[in-house]
Amino acid sequence: MRSITCTAVCVALAAILIMIVTGPQTANAVTCQVTQLAPCAAAITSSAPPSKQCCMKMKEQRPCLCQYIKNPSLKAYVSSPNAKKVSKTCGVPVPKC
């Protein structure tokens, strides 16, 4: 049960990070699913550097970040210092929503 909760929190954190990192943009049929940010969970919840897959997902989900930031359940994760650090490392600017 704990690993499911940890996984859900990590995915939410990753999604929030992506929202912070990227600003609103138009994209080609991006499906906004916070679970797409799961590869970023370790980097957001620890001091581990983001993986290439994390950065790729952050860039893909960039158009969705404001949506994630506006979600009260995700906002704290996206606004976390680690989330901002991951977004900066991945070259995804934090959006102003």
Protein backbone atom coordinates (compact mmCIF):
# COMPACT_ATOMS: atom_id res chain seq x y z
CA MET A 1 0.00 0.00 0.00
CA ARG A 2 2.83 2.37 0.83
CA SER A 3 4.54 1.88 -2.54
CA ILE A 4 1.30 2.76 -4.35
CA THR A 5 1.01 5.95 -2.31
CA CYS A 6 4.67 6.81 -2.90
CA THR A 7 4.29 6.18 -6.63
CA ALA A 8 1.20 8.37 -6.83
CA VAL A 9 2.95 11.16 -4.93
CA CYS A 10 6.02 10.89 -7.12
CA VAL A 11 3.96 11.06 -10.30
CA ALA A 12 2.07 14.06 -8.98
CA LEU A 13 5.33 15.76 -8.06
CA ALA A 14 6.72 15.16 -11.51
CA ALA A 15 3.63 16.60 -13.13
CA ILE A 16 3.78 19.68 -11.02
CA LEU A 17 7.43 20.14 -11.83
CA ILE A 18 6.69 20.09 -15.50
CA MET A 19 4.00 22.70 -15.10
CA ILE A 20 6.35 24.99 -13.28
CA VAL A 21 9.12 24.54 -15.75
CA THR A 22 7.13 25.21 -18.86
CA GLY A 23 4.86 28.03 -19.83
CA PRO A 24 1.66 27.88 -21.79
CA GLN A 25 2.32 26.92 -25.40
CA THR A 26 0.47 25.39 -28.25
CA ALA A 27 1.40 21.81 -28.92
CA ASN A 28 0.64 19.03 -31.31
CA ALA A 29 -2.08 16.95 -29.67
CA VAL A 30 -0.52 16.64 -26.24
CA THR A 31 -2.51 14.50 -23.84
CA CYS A 32 -2.30 16.11 -20.43
CA GLN A 33 -1.81 13.26 -18.01
CA VAL A 34 0.24 13.91 -14.92
CA THR A 35 1.24 10.25 -14.91
CA GLN A 36 3.38 11.00 -17.98
CA LEU A 37 5.77 12.68 -15.57
CA ALA A 38 6.45 9.50 -13.60
CA PRO A 39 10.05 9.35 -14.88
CA CYS A 40 10.67 12.58 -12.96
CA ALA A 41 9.42 11.32 -9.61
CA ALA A 42 12.83 10.37 -8.23
CA ALA A 43 14.35 13.71 -9.19
CA ILE A 44 11.48 15.67 -7.67
CA THR A 45 11.38 13.73 -4.42
CA SER A 46 15.14 13.59 -3.88
CA SER A 47 18.32 15.30 -4.94
CA ALA A 48 18.83 12.87 -7.83
CA PRO A 49 19.42 14.52 -11.21
CA PRO A 50 16.62 14.16 -13.77
CA SER A 51 17.02 11.41 -16.34
CA LYS A 52 16.93 11.98 -20.09
CA GLN A 53 13.49 10.36 -20.12
CA CYS A 54 12.33 12.75 -17.40
CA CYS A 55 13.47 15.77 -19.40
CA MET A 56 11.84 14.40 -22.54
CA LYS A 57 8.53 13.98 -20.71
CA MET A 58 8.84 17.43 -19.12
CA LYS A 59 9.22 18.96 -22.56
CA GLU A 60 6.29 16.94 -23.94
CA GLN A 61 4.03 17.94 -21.05
CA ARG A 62 5.06 21.60 -21.11
CA PRO A 63 1.72 22.76 -22.57
CA CYS A 64 -0.02 21.07 -19.63
CA LEU A 65 1.96 22.63 -16.79
CA CYS A 66 -0.42 25.50 -16.11
CA GLN A 67 -3.27 23.03 -15.91
CA TYR A 68 -1.29 21.04 -13.35
CA ILE A 69 -0.32 24.16 -11.41
CA LYS A 70 -3.95 25.24 -11.18
CA ASN A 71 -4.90 21.86 -9.73
CA PRO A 72 -4.89 22.21 -5.90
CA SER A 73 -3.83 18.57 -5.53
CA LEU A 74 -0.74 19.06 -7.70
CA LYS A 75 0.27 22.65 -7.05
CA ALA A 76 2.48 21.94 -4.03
CA TYR A 77 4.51 19.42 -6.01
CA VAL A 78 4.96 21.64 -9.05
CA SER A 79 5.98 24.54 -6.85
CA SER A 80 8.52 22.57 -4.84
CA PRO A 81 12.17 23.62 -4.96
CA ASN A 82 13.16 20.23 -6.40
CA ALA A 83 10.54 20.51 -9.13
CA LYS A 84 11.90 23.91 -10.11
CA LYS A 85 15.43 22.52 -10.07
CA VAL A 86 14.43 19.63 -12.35
CA SER A 87 12.69 21.95 -14.78
CA LYS A 88 15.71 24.24 -14.91
CA THR A 89 18.05 21.30 -15.48
CA CYS A 90 15.80 20.05 -18.29
CA GLY A 91 15.65 23.50 -19.90
CA VAL A 92 11.91 23.85 -19.41
CA PRO A 93 11.00 27.33 -18.14
CA VAL A 94 8.55 27.67 -15.26
CA PRO A 95 5.27 29.01 -16.67
CA LYS A 96 3.52 32.12 -15.46
CA CYS A 97 -0.09 31.02 -15.36
